[in-house]
Amino acid sequence: MIKKCLFPAAGYGTRFLPATKAMPKEMLPVVNKPLIQYGVEEALDAGLSEISIVTGRGKRALEDHFDISYELENQIKGTDKEKYLVGIRRLLNECSFSYTRQTEMKGLGHAILTGRPLIGDEPFAVVLADDLCVNPEGDGVLTQMVKLYNQFRCSIVAIQEVDPQETNKYGVIAGDMIRDDIFRVTNMVEKPSPEDAPSNLAIIGRYILTPDIFDIIANTEPGKGGEIQITDALLHQARNGCVIAYKFKGQRFDCGGAEGYIDATNFCFENYYKTGKAY
């Protein structure tokens, strides 16, 4: 079984400046809950209770959030405000949290490699917290992917169709269709221009990776933008084994930018918070 989930959370959040100048982008609240808490809840719902977070300078708020605040707890004990802590208390009770720091920002591949001491030699999930994924009608995205991993036992990337003119914002795959929502990856390009994109199937911030990916990343040369790209490592893995791309069920909000963040806030407010449903 997959038990571990890695959260690369050392980035500067430059698309959301100046809000992220002193606050981690992963702590931006969607309604009344920070982005990273949504991601951890999605991981726990998929059975992944060992949470590993790659942080950086100025990110102590992440560690403080997933900890007990004795003064706050004592202050609201016995009041109707205690209900607001039910969700975070569940995570503290059912998850373990470990942290390491990425001292230099060298790309997502490097961030994942930095988490190697926390993961060890076992398959694991990766969640980019600024991609908020919801599926009110069924399983969360990670739950869907874990079920798929149990079938294929290889690395899996979540994909969605995007406007062909926006392929330069994503890693983009091409592959052989296994069924209408599953592809065996044959090509993968990081942020291609529309004319060079192999398709309009873009990778979003959900992965399941087998542990051999660490050695592959360690031997991957810097690629697009001079960074160590996870797409380059996954392409090597695909050509020498198997990588599956999965068109997930649900909705994804890009909360690294203002438009997606506002859309996510409106969605969560209308569908969860306002209606009193758990989310």
C-alpha atoms as a PDB file:
ATOM      1  CA  MET A   1       0.000   0.000   0.000  1.00  0.00           C
ATOM      2  CA  ILE A   2       1.027   3.582  -0.600  1.00  0.00           C
ATOM      3  CA  LYS A   3       1.279   5.376   2.744  1.00  0.00           C
ATOM      4  CA  LYS A   4       3.349   8.478   2.038  1.00  0.00           C
ATOM      5  CA  CYS A   5       2.513  11.762   0.349  1.00  0.00           C
ATOM      6  CA  LEU A   6       5.090  14.426  -0.464  1.00  0.00           C
ATOM      7  CA  PHE A   7       4.207  18.125  -0.612  1.00  0.00           C
ATOM      8  CA  PRO A   8       6.820  20.301  -2.379  1.00  0.00           C
ATOM      9  CA  ALA A   9       6.200  23.631  -0.663  1.00  0.00           C
ATOM     10  CA  ALA A  10       9.424  25.617  -0.901  1.00  0.00           C
ATOM     11  CA  GLY A  11       8.502  27.852  -3.848  1.00  0.00           C
ATOM     12  CA  TYR A  12       8.212  31.614  -3.652  1.00  0.00           C
ATOM     13  CA  GLY A  13       4.659  31.889  -4.990  1.00  0.00           C
ATOM     14  CA  THR A  14       5.658  34.736  -7.297  1.00  0.00           C
ATOM     15  CA  ARG A  15       2.372  34.672  -9.225  1.00  0.00           C
ATOM     16  CA  PHE A  16       0.613  35.784  -6.050  1.00  0.00           C
ATOM     17  CA  LEU A  17       2.879  38.612  -4.939  1.00  0.00           C
ATOM     18  CA  PRO A  18       2.712  40.683  -2.819  1.00  0.00           C
ATOM     19  CA  ALA A  19       0.458  38.395  -0.734  1.00  0.00           C
ATOM     20  CA  THR A  20       3.129  35.674  -0.726  1.00  0.00           C
ATOM     21  CA  LYS A  21       6.022  37.981   0.186  1.00  0.00           C
ATOM     22  CA  ALA A  22       5.787  36.999   3.861  1.00  0.00           C
ATOM     23  CA  MET A  23       3.197  34.194   3.793  1.00  0.00           C
ATOM     24  CA  PRO A  24       3.582  30.781   2.142  1.00  0.00           C
ATOM     25  CA  LYS A  25       1.279  30.437  -0.856  1.00  0.00           C
ATOM     26  CA  GLU A  26       0.241  27.055   0.563  1.00  0.00           C
ATOM     27  CA  MET A  27      -1.288  28.908   3.534  1.00  0.00           C
ATOM     28  CA  LEU A  28      -3.561  31.091   1.396  1.00  0.00           C
ATOM     29  CA  PRO A  29      -7.095  30.459   2.694  1.00  0.00           C
ATOM     30  CA  VAL A  30      -9.842  29.163   0.453  1.00  0.00           C
ATOM     31  CA  VAL A  31     -12.868  30.285   2.487  1.00  0.00           C
ATOM     32  CA  ASN A  32     -11.606  29.414   5.996  1.00  0.00           C
ATOM     33  CA  LYS A  33      -9.021  26.713   5.302  1.00  0.00           C
ATOM     34  CA  PRO A  34      -5.494  26.958   3.856  1.00  0.00           C
ATOM     35  CA  LEU A  35      -4.696  25.343   0.535  1.00  0.00           C
ATOM     36  CA  ILE A  36      -2.314  22.801   2.010  1.00  0.00           C
ATOM     37  CA  GLN A  37      -4.962  21.513   4.411  1.00  0.00           C
ATOM     38  CA  TYR A  38      -7.202  20.638   1.467  1.00  0.00           C
ATOM     39  CA  GLY A  39      -4.309  18.672   0.002  1.00  0.00           C
ATOM     40  CA  VAL A  40      -3.548  16.808   3.226  1.00  0.00           C
ATOM     41  CA  GLU A  41      -7.222  15.926   3.636  1.00  0.00           C
ATOM     42  CA  GLU A  42      -7.281  14.584   0.082  1.00  0.00           C
ATOM     43  CA  ALA A  43      -4.205  12.480   0.870  1.00  0.00           C
ATOM     44  CA  LEU A  44      -5.666  11.102   4.107  1.00  0.00           C
ATOM     45  CA  ASP A  45      -8.936  10.234   2.373  1.00  0.00           C
ATOM     46  CA  ALA A  46      -6.827   8.180  -0.064  1.00  0.00           C
ATOM     47  CA  GLY A  47      -5.200   6.307   2.833  1.00  0.00           C
ATOM     48  CA  LEU A  48      -1.944   8.299   2.806  1.00  0.00           C
ATOM     49  CA  SER A  49      -1.322   9.235   6.422  1.00  0.00           C
ATOM     50  CA  GLU A  50       2.457   9.835   6.378  1.00  0.00           C
ATOM     51  CA  ILE A  51       2.781  13.436   5.216  1.00  0.00           C
ATOM     52  CA  SER A  52       6.191  14.765   4.159  1.00  0.00           C
ATOM     53  CA  ILE A  53       6.630  18.452   3.369  1.00  0.00           C
ATOM     54  CA  VAL A  54       9.579  20.070   1.586  1.00  0.00           C
ATOM     55  CA  THR A  55       9.733  23.610   2.930  1.00  0.00           C
ATOM     56  CA  GLY A  56      12.067  26.586   2.583  1.00  0.00           C
ATOM     57  CA  ARG A  57      12.969  29.842   4.238  1.00  0.00           C
ATOM     58  CA  GLY A  58       9.982  31.742   5.640  1.00  0.00           C
ATOM     59  CA  LYS A  59       7.731  28.666   5.645  1.00  0.00           C
ATOM     60  CA  ARG A  60       7.453  28.006   9.383  1.00  0.00           C
ATOM     61  CA  ALA A  61       3.718  28.716   9.226  1.00  0.00           C
ATOM     62  CA  LEU A  62       3.267  25.317   7.565  1.00  0.00           C
ATOM     63  CA  GLU A  63       4.777  23.493  10.523  1.00  0.00           C
ATOM     64  CA  ASP A  64       2.861  25.643  13.001  1.00  0.00           C
ATOM     65  CA  HIS A  65      -0.431  24.933  11.250  1.00  0.00           C
ATOM     66  CA  PHE A  66      -0.032  21.181  11.610  1.00  0.00           C
ATOM     67  CA  ASP A  67       0.631  21.409  15.330  1.00  0.00           C
ATOM     68  CA  ILE A  68      -1.328  22.014  18.514  1.00  0.00           C
ATOM     69  CA  SER A  69      -1.820  25.620  19.633  1.00  0.00           C
ATOM     70  CA  TYR A  70      -2.339  25.188  23.347  1.00  0.00           C
ATOM     71  CA  GLU A  71      -3.191  28.831  24.016  1.00  0.00           C
ATOM     72  CA  LEU A  72      -5.814  28.922  21.254  1.00  0.00           C
ATOM     73  CA  GLU A  73      -7.274  25.547  22.259  1.00  0.00           C
ATOM     74  CA  ASN A  74      -7.587  26.659  25.873  1.00  0.00           C
ATOM     75  CA  GLN A  75      -9.138  29.978  24.859  1.00  0.00           C
ATOM     76  CA  ILE A  76     -11.997  28.445  22.840  1.00  0.00           C
ATOM     77  CA  LYS A  77     -12.471  25.256  24.852  1.00  0.00           C
ATOM     78  CA  GLY A  78     -16.134  24.701  25.613  1.00  0.00           C
ATOM     79  CA  THR A  79     -17.336  27.380  23.176  1.00  0.00           C
ATOM     80  CA  ASP A  80     -19.132  26.976  19.846  1.00  0.00           C
ATOM     81  CA  LYS A  81     -15.874  27.971  18.111  1.00  0.00           C
ATOM     82  CA  GLU A  82     -14.369  24.563  18.838  1.00  0.00           C
ATOM     83  CA  LYS A  83     -16.193  23.194  15.804  1.00  0.00           C
ATOM     84  CA  TYR A  84     -13.833  25.132  13.536  1.00  0.00           C
ATOM     85  CA  LEU A  85     -10.909  22.962  14.685  1.00  0.00           C
ATOM     86  CA  VAL A  86     -12.566  19.592  14.040  1.00  0.00           C
ATOM     87  CA  GLY A  87     -10.937  19.190  10.620  1.00  0.00           C
ATOM     88  CA  ILE A  88      -7.394  20.078  11.658  1.00  0.00           C
ATOM     89  CA  ARG A  89      -7.661  17.964  14.826  1.00  0.00           C
ATOM     90  CA  ARG A  90      -8.539  14.971  12.657  1.00  0.00           C
ATOM     91  CA  LEU A  91      -5.376  15.472  10.625  1.00  0.00           C
ATOM     92  CA  LEU A  92      -3.223  15.828  13.739  1.00  0.00           C
ATOM     93  CA  ASN A  93      -4.700  12.651  15.187  1.00  0.00           C
ATOM     94  CA  GLU A  94      -4.529  10.506  12.055  1.00  0.00           C
ATOM     95  CA  CYS A  95      -1.440  11.775  10.205  1.00  0.00           C
ATOM     96  CA  SER A  96       2.249  12.044  10.938  1.00  0.00           C
ATOM     97  CA  PHE A  97       4.198  15.029   9.611  1.00  0.00           C
ATOM     98  CA  SER A  98       7.868  15.283   8.673  1.00  0.00           C
ATOM     99  CA  TYR A  99       9.763  18.185   7.136  1.00  0.00           C
ATOM    100  CA  THR A 100      12.941  18.973   5.273  1.00  0.00           C
ATOM    101  CA  ARG A 101      14.202  22.157   3.628  1.00  0.00           C
ATOM    102  CA  GLN A 102      15.044  22.833   0.012  1.00  0.00           C
ATOM    103  CA  THR A 103      17.827  25.404   0.275  1.00  0.00           C
ATOM    104  CA  GLU A 104      17.877  26.262  -3.438  1.00  0.00           C
ATOM    105  CA  MET A 105      14.930  26.448  -5.837  1.00  0.00           C
ATOM    106  CA  LYS A 106      16.047  24.221  -8.716  1.00  0.00           C
ATOM    107  CA  GLY A 107      12.721  22.987 -10.048  1.00  0.00           C
ATOM    108  CA  LEU A 108      10.060  20.464  -9.100  1.00  0.00           C
ATOM    109  CA  GLY A 109      12.325  17.511  -9.854  1.00  0.00           C
ATOM    110  CA  HIS A 110      14.905  18.825  -7.399  1.00  0.00           C
ATOM    111  CA  ALA A 111      12.209  19.489  -4.781  1.00  0.00           C
ATOM    112  CA  ILE A 112      11.018  15.888  -5.045  1.00  0.00           C
ATOM    113  CA  LEU A 113      14.604  14.616  -4.815  1.00  0.00           C
ATOM    114  CA  THR A 114      15.065  16.745  -1.673  1.00  0.00           C
ATOM    115  CA  GLY A 115      12.244  14.755  -0.093  1.00  0.00           C
ATOM    116  CA  ARG A 116      14.009  11.432  -0.638  1.00  0.00           C
ATOM    117  CA  PRO A 117      15.200  11.036   2.989  1.00  0.00           C
ATOM    118  CA  LEU A 118      11.573  11.408   4.146  1.00  0.00           C
ATOM    119  CA  ILE A 119      10.170   8.919   1.633  1.00  0.00           C
ATOM    120  CA  GLY A 120      12.737   6.129   1.502  1.00  0.00           C
ATOM    121  CA  ASP A 121      12.454   3.226  -0.903  1.00  0.00           C
ATOM    122  CA  GLU A 122       8.711   2.974  -1.458  1.00  0.00           C
ATOM    123  CA  PRO A 123       6.071   4.344  -3.820  1.00  0.00           C
ATOM    124  CA  PHE A 124       4.589   7.693  -2.855  1.00  0.00           C
ATOM    125  CA  ALA A 125       2.202  10.397  -3.962  1.00  0.00           C
ATOM    126  CA  VAL A 126       3.084  14.014  -4.733  1.00  0.00           C
ATOM    127  CA  VAL A 127       0.624  16.872  -4.274  1.00  0.00           C
ATOM    128  CA  LEU A 128       1.146  20.457  -5.390  1.00  0.00           C
ATOM    129  CA  ALA A 129      -1.071  22.293  -2.940  1.00  0.00           C
ATOM    130  CA  ASP A 130      -1.805  25.248  -5.217  1.00  0.00           C
ATOM    131  CA  ASP A 131      -3.685  22.857  -7.511  1.00  0.00           C
ATOM    132  CA  LEU A 132      -6.927  22.449  -5.553  1.00  0.00           C
ATOM    133  CA  CYS A 133      -8.835  19.390  -6.784  1.00  0.00           C
ATOM    134  CA  VAL A 134     -12.424  18.569  -5.858  1.00  0.00           C
ATOM    135  CA  ASN A 135     -14.872  15.863  -6.860  1.00  0.00           C
ATOM    136  CA  PRO A 136     -18.151  16.341  -4.973  1.00  0.00           C
ATOM    137  CA  GLU A 137     -19.750  13.401  -6.782  1.00  0.00           C
ATOM    138  CA  GLY A 138     -17.209  10.722  -5.882  1.00  0.00           C
ATOM    139  CA  ASP A 139     -13.661   9.806  -4.897  1.00  0.00           C
ATOM    140  CA  GLY A 140     -10.994  12.460  -4.624  1.00  0.00           C
ATOM    141  CA  VAL A 141      -8.301  12.576  -7.279  1.00  0.00           C
ATOM    142  CA  LEU A 142      -5.652  10.852  -5.149  1.00  0.00           C
ATOM    143  CA  THR A 143      -8.088   8.096  -4.192  1.00  0.00           C
ATOM    144  CA  GLN A 144      -8.756   7.506  -7.892  1.00  0.00           C
ATOM    145  CA  MET A 145      -5.020   7.389  -8.596  1.00  0.00           C
ATOM    146  CA  VAL A 146      -4.222   5.003  -5.730  1.00  0.00           C
ATOM    147  CA  LYS A 147      -6.814   2.571  -7.093  1.00  0.00           C
ATOM    148  CA  LEU A 148      -5.184   2.878 -10.493  1.00  0.00           C
ATOM    149  CA  TYR A 149      -1.726   2.290  -9.015  1.00  0.00           C
ATOM    150  CA  ASN A 150      -2.960  -0.912  -7.401  1.00  0.00           C
ATOM    151  CA  GLN A 151      -3.793  -2.092 -10.920  1.00  0.00           C
ATOM    152  CA  PHE A 152      -0.760  -0.885 -12.912  1.00  0.00           C
ATOM    153  CA  ARG A 153       2.025  -0.640 -10.272  1.00  0.00           C
ATOM    154  CA  CYS A 154       3.872   2.144 -12.075  1.00  0.00           C
ATOM    155  CA  SER A 155       4.214   5.917 -11.923  1.00  0.00           C
ATOM    156  CA  ILE A 156       1.013   7.828 -12.674  1.00  0.00           C
ATOM    157  CA  VAL A 157       0.431  11.478 -13.571  1.00  0.00           C
ATOM    158  CA  ALA A 158      -2.925  13.232 -13.466  1.00  0.00           C
ATOM    159  CA  ILE A 159      -3.847  15.050 -16.676  1.00  0.00           C
ATOM    160  CA  GLN A 160      -6.589  17.251 -18.043  1.00  0.00           C
ATOM    161  CA  GLU A 161      -7.353  18.781 -21.404  1.00  0.00           C
ATOM    162  CA  VAL A 162      -6.357  22.441 -21.661  1.00  0.00           C
ATOM    163  CA  ASP A 163      -6.720  25.156 -24.262  1.00  0.00           C
ATOM    164  CA  PRO A 164      -4.057  24.388 -26.909  1.00  0.00           C
ATOM    165  CA  GLN A 165      -2.851  27.981 -26.582  1.00  0.00           C
ATOM    166  CA  GLU A 166      -1.979  27.382 -22.913  1.00  0.00           C
ATOM    167  CA  THR A 167       0.316  24.365 -23.273  1.00  0.00           C
ATOM    168  CA  ASN A 168       3.296  26.611 -22.461  1.00  0.00           C
ATOM    169  CA  LYS A 169       2.126  26.650 -18.823  1.00  0.00           C
ATOM    170  CA  TYR A 170       2.261  22.875 -18.289  1.00  0.00           C
ATOM    171  CA  GLY A 171       4.059  19.638 -18.817  1.00  0.00           C
ATOM    172  CA  VAL A 172       2.257  18.016 -21.758  1.00  0.00           C
ATOM    173  CA  ILE A 173       2.042  14.310 -22.618  1.00  0.00           C
ATOM    174  CA  ALA A 174       1.390  12.146 -25.628  1.00  0.00           C
ATOM    175  CA  GLY A 175       0.535   8.500 -25.284  1.00  0.00           C
ATOM    176  CA  ASP A 176      -1.199   5.365 -26.426  1.00  0.00           C
ATOM    177  CA  MET A 177      -4.793   5.160 -25.245  1.00  0.00           C
ATOM    178  CA  ILE A 178      -5.548   2.212 -22.970  1.00  0.00           C
ATOM    179  CA  ARG A 179      -9.094   3.386 -22.355  1.00  0.00           C
ATOM    180  CA  ASP A 180     -10.736   6.773 -22.799  1.00  0.00           C
ATOM    181  CA  ASP A 181      -9.259   8.140 -19.552  1.00  0.00           C
ATOM    182  CA  ILE A 182      -5.922   6.261 -19.386  1.00  0.00           C
ATOM    183  CA  PHE A 183      -2.849   6.639 -21.614  1.00  0.00           C
ATOM    184  CA  ARG A 184       0.513   4.927 -21.625  1.00  0.00           C
ATOM    185  CA  VAL A 185       2.942   7.837 -21.932  1.00  0.00           C
ATOM    186  CA  THR A 186       5.218   7.874 -24.983  1.00  0.00           C
ATOM    187  CA  ASN A 187       6.298  11.522 -24.872  1.00  0.00           C
ATOM    188  CA  MET A 188       6.342  14.302 -22.315  1.00  0.00           C
ATOM    189  CA  VAL A 189       7.437  17.895 -22.879  1.00  0.00           C
ATOM    190  CA  GLU A 190       7.813  20.669 -20.308  1.00  0.00           C
ATOM    191  CA  LYS A 191       5.943  23.880 -21.182  1.00  0.00           C
ATOM    192  CA  PRO A 192       5.993  23.517 -24.965  1.00  0.00           C
ATOM    193  CA  SER A 193       4.820  26.293 -27.255  1.00  0.00           C
ATOM    194  CA  PRO A 194       1.422  25.509 -28.841  1.00  0.00           C
ATOM    195  CA  GLU A 195       3.002  24.604 -32.163  1.00  0.00           C
ATOM    196  CA  ASP A 196       5.437  22.170 -30.482  1.00  0.00           C
ATOM    197  CA  ALA A 197       3.018  20.552 -28.020  1.00  0.00           C
ATOM    198  CA  PRO A 198       2.469  16.809 -28.589  1.00  0.00           C
ATOM    199  CA  SER A 199      -1.184  17.170 -27.456  1.00  0.00           C
ATOM    200  CA  ASN A 200      -3.353  19.328 -25.212  1.00  0.00           C
ATOM    201  CA  LEU A 201      -3.203  16.820 -22.327  1.00  0.00           C
ATOM    202  CA  ALA A 202      -1.543  18.708 -19.502  1.00  0.00           C
ATOM    203  CA  ILE A 203      -0.087  17.347 -16.271  1.00  0.00           C
ATOM    204  CA  ILE A 204      -1.560  18.852 -13.095  1.00  0.00           C
ATOM    205  CA  GLY A 205      -0.265  18.718  -9.540  1.00  0.00           C
ATOM    206  CA  ARG A 206      -1.019  15.097  -8.646  1.00  0.00           C
ATOM    207  CA  TYR A 207       1.469  12.261  -9.102  1.00  0.00           C
ATOM    208  CA  ILE A 208       2.126   8.763  -7.861  1.00  0.00           C
ATOM    209  CA  LEU A 209       5.790   7.855  -8.266  1.00  0.00           C
ATOM    210  CA  THR A 210       7.740   4.661  -7.860  1.00  0.00           C
ATOM    211  CA  PRO A 211      10.951   4.990  -5.803  1.00  0.00           C
ATOM    212  CA  ASP A 212      13.320   4.443  -8.752  1.00  0.00           C
ATOM    213  CA  ILE A 213      12.387   7.977  -9.787  1.00  0.00           C
ATOM    214  CA  PHE A 214      14.886   9.323  -7.233  1.00  0.00           C
ATOM    215  CA  ASP A 215      17.926   7.849  -8.991  1.00  0.00           C
ATOM    216  CA  ILE A 216      16.551   9.007 -12.332  1.00  0.00           C
ATOM    217  CA  ILE A 217      16.121  12.573 -11.054  1.00  0.00           C
ATOM    218  CA  ALA A 218      19.613  12.508  -9.546  1.00  0.00           C
ATOM    219  CA  ASN A 219      20.999  11.767 -13.024  1.00  0.00           C
ATOM    220  CA  THR A 220      18.755  14.216 -14.888  1.00  0.00           C
ATOM    221  CA  GLU A 221      20.441  17.287 -16.338  1.00  0.00           C
ATOM    222  CA  PRO A 222      18.790  20.701 -15.899  1.00  0.00           C
ATOM    223  CA  GLY A 223      16.188  21.277 -18.597  1.00  0.00           C
ATOM    224  CA  LYS A 224      13.650  24.015 -19.311  1.00  0.00           C
ATOM    225  CA  GLY A 225      14.575  27.207 -17.476  1.00  0.00           C
ATOM    226  CA  GLY A 226      17.771  25.653 -16.143  1.00  0.00           C
ATOM    227  CA  GLU A 227      15.746  23.633 -13.625  1.00  0.00           C
ATOM    228  CA  ILE A 228      15.634  19.907 -12.934  1.00  0.00           C
ATOM    229  CA  GLN A 229      12.272  18.980 -14.409  1.00  0.00           C
ATOM    230  CA  ILE A 230      10.206  16.052 -13.152  1.00  0.00           C
ATOM    231  CA  THR A 231       8.859  15.714 -16.706  1.00  0.00           C
ATOM    232  CA  ASP A 232      12.350  14.885 -18.009  1.00  0.00           C
ATOM    233  CA  ALA A 233      12.783  12.207 -15.331  1.00  0.00           C
ATOM    234  CA  LEU A 234       9.333  10.769 -15.999  1.00  0.00           C
ATOM    235  CA  LEU A 235       9.995  10.642 -19.742  1.00  0.00           C
ATOM    236  CA  HIS A 236      13.126   8.567 -19.057  1.00  0.00           C
ATOM    237  CA  GLN A 237      11.041   6.316 -16.821  1.00  0.00           C
ATOM    238  CA  ALA A 238       8.345   5.997 -19.485  1.00  0.00           C
ATOM    239  CA  ARG A 239      10.836   5.032 -22.197  1.00  0.00           C
ATOM    240  CA  ASN A 240      12.483   2.411 -20.004  1.00  0.00           C
ATOM    241  CA  GLY A 241       9.383   1.085 -18.297  1.00  0.00           C
ATOM    242  CA  CYS A 242       5.895   2.474 -17.950  1.00  0.00           C
ATOM    243  CA  VAL A 243       4.241   5.735 -16.913  1.00  0.00           C
ATOM    244  CA  ILE A 244       0.458   6.086 -16.975  1.00  0.00           C
ATOM    245  CA  ALA A 245      -1.395   9.357 -17.553  1.00  0.00           C
ATOM    246  CA  TYR A 246      -4.868   9.504 -16.025  1.00  0.00           C
ATOM    247  CA  LYS A 247      -7.634  11.900 -17.008  1.00  0.00           C
ATOM    248  CA  PHE A 248      -9.148  12.272 -13.550  1.00  0.00           C
ATOM    249  CA  LYS A 249     -12.762  12.769 -12.553  1.00  0.00           C
ATOM    250  CA  GLY A 250     -13.421  16.053 -10.818  1.00  0.00           C
ATOM    251  CA  GLN A 251     -12.455  19.686 -11.088  1.00  0.00           C
ATOM    252  CA  ARG A 252      -9.090  21.382 -10.656  1.00  0.00           C
ATOM    253  CA  PHE A 253      -8.476  25.014  -9.703  1.00  0.00           C
ATOM    254  CA  ASP A 254      -5.110  26.667 -10.332  1.00  0.00           C
ATOM    255  CA  CYS A 255      -4.820  28.598  -7.077  1.00  0.00           C
ATOM    256  CA  GLY A 256      -1.343  29.847  -7.887  1.00  0.00           C
ATOM    257  CA  GLY A 257      -3.002  32.708  -9.761  1.00  0.00           C
ATOM    258  CA  ALA A 258      -5.737  35.142  -8.782  1.00  0.00           C
ATOM    259  CA  GLU A 259      -8.409  33.938 -11.226  1.00  0.00           C
ATOM    260  CA  GLY A 260      -8.219  30.266 -10.244  1.00  0.00           C
ATOM    261  CA  TYR A 261      -8.004  31.187  -6.584  1.00  0.00           C
ATOM    262  CA  ILE A 262     -11.181  33.262  -6.747  1.00  0.00           C
ATOM    263  CA  ASP A 263     -12.960  30.494  -8.686  1.00  0.00           C
ATOM    264  CA  ALA A 264     -11.932  27.954  -6.045  1.00  0.00           C
ATOM    265  CA  THR A 265     -13.121  30.195  -3.220  1.00  0.00           C
ATOM    266  CA  ASN A 266     -16.500  30.737  -4.860  1.00  0.00           C
ATOM    267  CA  PHE A 267     -16.878  27.014  -5.574  1.00  0.00           C
ATOM    268  CA  CYS A 268     -16.014  25.913  -2.042  1.00  0.00           C
ATOM    269  CA  PHE A 269     -18.197  28.567  -0.491  1.00  0.00           C
ATOM    270  CA  GLU A 270     -21.249  27.667  -2.569  1.00  0.00           C
ATOM    271  CA  ASN A 271     -20.848  23.873  -2.543  1.00  0.00           C
ATOM    272  CA  TYR A 272     -19.431  23.192   0.908  1.00  0.00           C
ATOM    273  CA  TYR A 273     -19.209  25.996   3.427  1.00  0.00           C
ATOM    274  CA  LYS A 274     -22.550  27.641   2.671  1.00  0.00           C
ATOM    275  CA  THR A 275     -24.397  24.302   2.608  1.00  0.00           C
ATOM    276  CA  GLY A 276     -22.762  22.969   5.751  1.00  0.00           C
ATOM    277  CA  LYS A 277     -21.263  19.933   3.986  1.00  0.00           C
ATOM    278  CA  ALA A 278     -17.927  18.537   5.095  1.00  0.00           C
ATOM    279  CA  TYR A 279     -15.087  19.489   2.777  1.00  0.00           C
END
